[in-house]
Amino acid sequence: MSSNSPSEAYILARTFFIGGLSGCTSTCIIQPVDMVKVQIQARSEALGKGSNVSPFTVIRGMLSNGKGFRQFYRGLDSALMRQITYTTTRMGIYKTAFNKYQKKHGSVPFSMKALFSLSAGFIGSLTGNPADLILVRLQLDPTLPEGKRRGYTSFGDAFVKIVKNEGVLQLWRGSTPTIVRAMMLNLGMLGPFDEVKERLNNYFGEKDTLRVRLMASAVSGFLCSFLSLPFDNAKTKMQRMVPGADGKLPYKHIFHCLQQTIAHEGFARMWVGFPTFYFRIAPHAMLTLLMQDYIYQWINKNKNK
């Protein structure tokens, strides 16, 4: 190895940094859609079966409440912290495992891509759960009855209050649905993007052109949205739940939450708000994947200059 070659530690750090940077940039663009998605899930839970909560109704209601457009970015600090922890970890782990396997074996079969995706989602969700829980609470706190609002003002304020009033372990409340959601999301996002891109390259006789990247990211965006939405719905409900009059929480675990969702709202309501969720998840996934790809392309073009 020449003296100008980057060290293993540098390459590892760069891989994780690029993943986190891609996720943070995408989040700044997509955050308003995420806010609307969470509001739809909360209203559907409250209204029960037969409810049809339109994203346009939610948007009109938010724009007419006098709080301005800034409310669509409520919890942005938590969302960025989530990307710094969750996305940096998952993208870094997947890309590192993918590159090492490819370097050793020449190509990566889809089964290994799926394994790397699931592993990255599992580990990433553990690191990102506290920020994710705080984000959901910040977004939904204004919708709670006056007496049940927690009054969070920022990520730091919410973090301190949760640790002080509920204990540090409460930062991982709902971690099971978060883990399952993350694993399903990454299963649909990371592996399929590389797999579809490789197949399209062979079909068109091209090498990672814009057309190929857009088509591959669109496929992965749909898959990760469809696979993860039921668990995202359950995660949101479990993270925002408060004890009832009897002091008991409404959901015992993720499977109980899914069971109650089907009983109270209907099976199809596990995908409630899918159009909004898709326009939140798919563009974010696409932007993150495309940005990461182009950053690596730029590095490869300039590394010998």
Protein backbone atom coordinates (compact mmCIF):
# COMPACT_ATOMS: atom_id res chain seq x y z
CA MET A 1 0.00 0.00 0.00
CA SER A 2 1.40 3.41 -0.98
CA SER A 3 1.90 6.18 1.53
CA ASN A 4 -0.91 8.13 -0.16
CA SER A 5 -3.46 5.35 0.30
CA PRO A 6 -6.12 6.07 2.96
CA SER A 7 -5.97 3.95 6.10
CA GLU A 8 -8.64 1.40 7.00
CA ALA A 9 -9.77 3.62 9.87
CA TYR A 10 -10.16 6.60 7.54
CA ILE A 11 -12.16 4.56 5.01
CA LEU A 12 -14.42 3.23 7.79
CA ALA A 13 -15.02 6.70 9.24
CA ARG A 14 -15.67 8.14 5.78
CA THR A 15 -18.19 5.39 5.00
CA PHE A 16 -20.21 6.13 8.14
CA PHE A 17 -19.93 9.92 7.66
CA ILE A 18 -21.22 9.77 4.09
CA GLY A 19 -24.20 7.68 5.17
CA GLY A 20 -25.09 10.12 7.95
CA LEU A 21 -24.62 13.20 5.75
CA SER A 22 -26.88 11.73 3.08
CA GLY A 23 -29.59 10.98 5.64
CA CYS A 24 -29.44 14.40 7.31
CA THR A 25 -29.70 16.27 4.01
CA SER A 26 -32.69 14.16 2.94
CA THR A 27 -34.41 14.73 6.29
CA CYS A 28 -34.23 18.52 5.96
CA ILE A 29 -36.18 18.19 2.70
CA ILE A 30 -38.71 15.56 3.83
CA GLN A 31 -39.47 16.66 7.44
CA PRO A 32 -42.84 18.41 6.68
CA VAL A 33 -44.17 15.22 5.05
CA ASP A 34 -43.13 13.20 8.11
CA MET A 35 -45.07 15.57 10.36
CA VAL A 36 -48.24 15.10 8.28
CA LYS A 37 -47.74 11.31 8.28
CA VAL A 38 -47.56 11.15 12.08
CA GLN A 39 -50.67 13.35 12.41
CA ILE A 40 -52.62 11.02 10.10
CA GLN A 41 -51.66 7.96 12.17
CA ALA A 42 -52.70 9.67 15.40
CA ARG A 43 -56.07 10.80 14.03
CA SER A 44 -56.84 7.37 12.57
CA GLU A 45 -56.20 5.77 15.96
CA ALA A 46 -58.57 8.24 17.62
CA LEU A 47 -61.37 7.91 15.05
CA GLY A 48 -61.27 4.12 14.67
CA LYS A 49 -62.91 2.04 11.94
CA GLY A 50 -64.30 3.82 8.91
CA SER A 51 -62.05 6.84 9.38
CA ASN A 52 -60.55 8.35 6.27
CA VAL A 53 -58.01 10.94 7.27
CA SER A 54 -56.82 12.87 4.23
CA PRO A 55 -53.35 14.46 4.22
CA PHE A 56 -54.94 17.54 2.66
CA THR A 57 -57.34 17.82 5.62
CA VAL A 58 -54.41 17.56 8.03
CA ILE A 59 -52.42 20.18 6.12
CA ARG A 60 -55.37 22.59 5.96
CA GLY A 61 -55.98 22.15 9.67
CA MET A 62 -52.36 22.83 10.53
CA LEU A 63 -52.16 25.88 8.28
CA SER A 64 -55.33 27.33 9.81
CA ASN A 65 -54.35 26.91 13.47
CA GLY A 66 -52.27 30.09 13.51
CA LYS A 67 -48.94 28.39 14.24
CA GLY A 68 -47.47 28.98 10.81
CA PHE A 69 -45.31 26.82 8.57
CA ARG A 70 -42.67 26.36 11.27
CA GLN A 71 -44.86 23.72 12.95
CA PHE A 72 -44.17 21.39 10.01
CA TYR A 73 -40.54 21.37 11.14
CA ARG A 74 -41.32 20.72 14.79
CA GLY A 75 -38.89 18.09 16.02
CA LEU A 76 -36.34 18.72 13.26
CA ASP A 77 -33.51 18.68 15.81
CA SER A 78 -34.66 15.22 16.93
CA ALA A 79 -35.01 14.08 13.34
CA LEU A 80 -31.45 15.17 12.57
CA MET A 81 -30.18 13.53 15.75
CA ARG A 82 -31.94 10.36 14.65
CA GLN A 83 -30.15 10.50 11.30
CA ILE A 84 -26.81 11.12 13.01
CA THR A 85 -27.31 8.01 15.14
CA TYR A 86 -29.59 5.67 13.17
CA THR A 87 -28.77 6.41 9.53
CA THR A 88 -25.06 6.90 10.09
CA THR A 89 -24.97 3.47 11.74
CA ARG A 90 -27.17 1.53 9.34
CA MET A 91 -25.74 2.99 6.13
CA GLY A 92 -22.19 2.66 7.43
CA ILE A 93 -22.62 -0.95 8.54
CA TYR A 94 -24.32 -2.02 5.31
CA LYS A 95 -21.81 -0.31 3.02
CA THR A 96 -18.83 -1.58 5.01
CA ALA A 97 -20.10 -5.18 5.01
CA PHE A 98 -21.04 -4.96 1.32
CA ASN A 99 -17.62 -3.60 0.27
CA LYS A 100 -15.67 -6.15 2.32
CA TYR A 101 -17.68 -9.07 0.96
CA GLN A 102 -17.38 -7.76 -2.60
CA LYS A 103 -13.62 -7.26 -2.24
CA LYS A 104 -13.20 -10.83 -1.00
CA HIS A 105 -15.66 -12.69 -3.27
CA GLY A 106 -16.02 -10.42 -6.30
CA SER A 107 -19.81 -10.13 -6.15
CA VAL A 108 -22.50 -10.01 -3.47
CA PRO A 109 -25.53 -12.34 -3.82
CA PHE A 110 -28.95 -11.01 -2.88
CA SER A 111 -29.10 -13.29 0.17
CA MET A 112 -26.04 -11.54 1.62
CA LYS A 113 -27.41 -8.12 0.70
CA ALA A 114 -30.57 -9.01 2.62
CA LEU A 115 -28.54 -10.23 5.61
CA PHE A 116 -26.45 -7.04 5.64
CA SER A 117 -29.63 -4.95 5.36
CA LEU A 118 -31.34 -6.69 8.29
CA SER A 119 -28.20 -6.49 10.45
CA ALA A 120 -27.73 -2.79 9.67
CA GLY A 121 -31.37 -2.07 10.50
CA PHE A 122 -31.17 -3.96 13.81
CA ILE A 123 -28.02 -2.24 15.08
CA GLY A 124 -28.97 1.16 13.69
CA SER A 125 -32.38 1.09 15.36
CA LEU A 126 -30.84 0.44 18.77
CA THR A 127 -28.66 3.54 18.49
CA GLY A 128 -31.42 5.69 17.02
CA ASN A 129 -34.40 4.73 19.21
CA PRO A 130 -34.01 7.53 21.80
CA ALA A 131 -34.00 10.23 19.12
CA ASP A 132 -36.88 8.52 17.31
CA LEU A 133 -39.02 8.38 20.46
CA ILE A 134 -38.35 12.04 21.21
CA LEU A 135 -39.20 13.01 17.63
CA VAL A 136 -42.59 11.28 17.78
CA ARG A 137 -43.41 12.86 21.14
CA LEU A 138 -42.44 16.33 19.95
CA GLN A 139 -44.64 15.97 16.87
CA LEU A 140 -47.66 14.62 18.75
CA ASP A 141 -47.50 16.52 22.05
CA PRO A 142 -49.66 19.43 20.77
CA THR A 143 -52.42 16.95 19.76
CA LEU A 144 -52.83 15.53 23.29
CA PRO A 145 -55.47 16.87 25.72
CA GLU A 146 -54.24 19.88 27.67
CA GLY A 147 -53.77 17.94 30.89
CA LYS A 148 -51.70 15.18 29.26
CA ARG A 149 -49.27 17.33 27.30
CA ARG A 150 -45.64 17.03 28.35
CA GLY A 151 -44.68 20.52 27.18
CA TYR A 152 -41.42 19.65 25.43
CA THR A 153 -39.69 22.62 23.80
CA SER A 154 -36.73 20.95 22.09
CA PHE A 155 -34.77 17.71 21.77
CA GLY A 156 -32.59 18.58 24.75
CA ASP A 157 -35.58 19.55 26.90
CA ALA A 158 -37.42 16.32 26.03
CA PHE A 159 -34.31 14.21 26.65
CA VAL A 160 -33.74 15.69 30.12
CA LYS A 161 -37.41 15.42 31.14
CA ILE A 162 -37.73 11.80 30.01
CA VAL A 163 -34.57 10.73 31.85
CA LYS A 164 -35.55 12.68 34.98
CA ASN A 165 -39.25 11.78 35.14
CA GLU A 166 -39.38 8.33 33.54
CA GLY A 167 -35.87 6.92 33.72
CA VAL A 168 -33.20 6.47 31.07
CA LEU A 169 -34.57 3.11 29.93
CA GLN A 170 -37.75 4.84 28.78
CA LEU A 171 -35.72 6.24 25.89
CA TRP A 172 -35.96 2.74 24.46
CA ARG A 173 -39.72 2.40 24.98
CA GLY A 174 -41.14 0.93 21.82
CA SER A 175 -37.73 -0.34 20.80
CA THR A 176 -39.16 -3.68 19.67
CA PRO A 177 -41.43 -2.16 16.98
CA THR A 178 -38.67 0.29 16.13
CA ILE A 179 -36.23 -2.57 15.60
CA VAL A 180 -38.69 -4.60 13.53
CA ARG A 181 -39.67 -1.52 11.51
CA ALA A 182 -36.04 -0.65 10.87
CA MET A 183 -35.17 -4.18 9.83
CA MET A 184 -38.10 -4.35 7.39
CA LEU A 185 -37.38 -0.88 6.04
CA ASN A 186 -33.73 -1.65 5.44
CA LEU A 187 -34.60 -5.04 3.97
CA GLY A 188 -36.67 -3.23 1.34
CA MET A 189 -34.26 -0.34 0.87
CA LEU A 190 -30.57 -1.25 0.90
CA GLY A 191 -30.28 -4.69 -0.63
CA PRO A 192 -32.90 -4.15 -3.37
CA PHE A 193 -31.26 -0.87 -4.43
CA ASP A 194 -27.95 -2.57 -5.14
CA GLU A 195 -29.62 -5.69 -6.59
CA VAL A 196 -31.92 -3.79 -8.96
CA LYS A 197 -29.11 -1.44 -9.95
CA GLU A 198 -26.88 -4.38 -10.89
CA ARG A 199 -29.65 -6.05 -12.90
CA LEU A 200 -30.53 -2.82 -14.72
CA ASN A 201 -26.86 -2.21 -15.51
CA ASN A 202 -26.75 -5.64 -17.17
CA TYR A 203 -30.08 -5.13 -18.95
CA PHE A 204 -29.29 -1.69 -20.38
CA GLY A 205 -25.58 -2.29 -20.81
CA GLU A 206 -24.88 0.78 -18.66
CA LYS A 207 -22.94 1.51 -15.49
CA ASP A 208 -24.82 3.34 -12.75
CA THR A 209 -26.34 6.02 -14.99
CA LEU A 210 -28.90 8.45 -13.63
CA ARG A 211 -31.70 6.40 -15.23
CA VAL A 212 -30.50 3.22 -13.55
CA ARG A 213 -30.07 4.88 -10.17
CA LEU A 214 -33.50 6.53 -10.28
CA MET A 215 -35.27 3.30 -11.23
CA ALA A 216 -33.43 1.27 -8.60
CA SER A 217 -34.11 3.84 -5.88
CA ALA A 218 -37.80 4.01 -6.87
CA VAL A 219 -38.16 0.23 -6.48
CA SER A 220 -36.40 0.24 -3.10
CA GLY A 221 -38.49 3.24 -2.00
CA PHE A 222 -41.74 1.39 -2.65
CA LEU A 223 -40.57 -1.85 -1.04
CA CYS A 224 -39.30 -0.25 2.15
CA SER A 225 -42.51 1.81 2.47
CA PHE A 226 -44.83 -1.17 2.04
CA LEU A 227 -42.90 -3.51 4.32
CA SER A 228 -42.36 -1.06 7.17
CA LEU A 229 -45.63 0.92 7.42
CA PRO A 230 -47.57 -1.53 9.69
CA PHE A 231 -44.67 -1.50 12.15
CA ASP A 232 -44.25 2.27 11.83
CA ASN A 233 -47.92 2.63 12.74
CA ALA A 234 -47.47 0.38 15.78
CA LYS A 235 -44.28 2.15 16.77
CA THR A 236 -45.95 5.56 16.70
CA LYS A 237 -48.84 4.35 18.86
CA MET A 238 -46.58 2.71 21.43
CA GLN A 239 -44.25 5.70 21.70
CA ARG A 240 -47.06 8.22 22.18
CA MET A 241 -49.26 6.15 24.53
CA VAL A 242 -50.07 7.46 27.98
CA PRO A 243 -51.66 5.55 30.90
CA GLY A 244 -55.45 5.47 31.02
CA ALA A 245 -57.66 6.26 34.00
CA ASP A 246 -56.83 2.85 35.47
CA GLY A 247 -53.11 3.56 35.20
CA LYS A 248 -52.57 0.90 32.53
CA LEU A 249 -51.00 1.47 29.14
CA PRO A 250 -53.24 0.63 26.15
CA TYR A 251 -50.70 -1.65 24.44
CA LYS A 252 -48.61 -4.40 26.03
CA HIS A 253 -46.27 -5.10 23.11
CA ILE A 254 -46.05 -4.77 19.34
CA PHE A 255 -48.20 -7.81 18.61
CA HIS A 256 -50.88 -6.60 20.99
CA CYS A 257 -50.75 -3.21 19.30
CA LEU A 258 -51.13 -4.77 15.84
CA GLN A 259 -53.97 -6.97 17.14
CA GLN A 260 -55.79 -3.96 18.59
CA THR A 261 -55.24 -2.00 15.39
CA ILE A 262 -56.90 -4.75 13.34
CA ALA A 263 -59.75 -5.15 15.85
CA HIS A 264 -60.41 -1.43 16.32
CA GLU A 265 -59.55 -0.04 12.90
CA GLY A 266 -59.51 -3.01 10.48
CA PHE A 267 -56.71 -4.99 8.79
CA ALA A 268 -56.19 -2.52 5.96
CA ARG A 269 -55.70 0.30 8.46
CA MET A 270 -52.26 -1.04 9.26
CA TRP A 271 -51.37 0.72 6.03
CA VAL A 272 -53.29 3.88 6.93
CA GLY A 273 -51.76 6.94 5.35
CA PHE A 274 -49.77 4.87 2.85
CA PRO A 275 -49.69 7.62 0.16
CA THR A 276 -48.35 10.10 2.71
CA PHE A 277 -45.99 7.51 4.18
CA TYR A 278 -44.75 6.62 0.71
CA PHE A 279 -44.10 10.27 -0.13
CA ARG A 280 -42.24 10.53 3.16
CA ILE A 281 -40.21 7.32 3.01
CA ALA A 282 -39.63 6.79 -0.72
CA PRO A 283 -38.20 10.24 -1.54
CA HIS A 284 -36.08 10.14 1.62
CA ALA A 285 -34.76 6.70 0.70
CA MET A 286 -34.19 7.75 -2.90
CA LEU A 287 -32.43 10.97 -1.96
CA THR A 288 -30.26 9.21 0.62
CA LEU A 289 -29.25 6.42 -1.75
CA LEU A 290 -28.64 8.74 -4.71
CA MET A 291 -26.65 11.21 -2.65
CA GLN A 292 -24.50 8.45 -1.19
CA ASP A 293 -23.89 7.00 -4.66
CA TYR A 294 -22.85 10.34 -6.12
CA ILE A 295 -20.56 11.17 -3.22
CA TYR A 296 -18.74 7.86 -3.74
CA GLN A 297 -18.64 8.51 -7.48
CA TRP A 298 -17.07 11.92 -6.86
CA ILE A 299 -14.51 10.40 -4.46
CA ASN A 300 -13.56 7.70 -6.95
CA LYS A 301 -13.11 10.25 -9.74
CA ASN A 302 -10.90 12.50 -7.64
CA LYS A 303 -8.91 10.04 -5.53
CA ASN A 304 -6.05 9.85 -8.03
CA LYS A 305 -5.93 13.56 -8.81
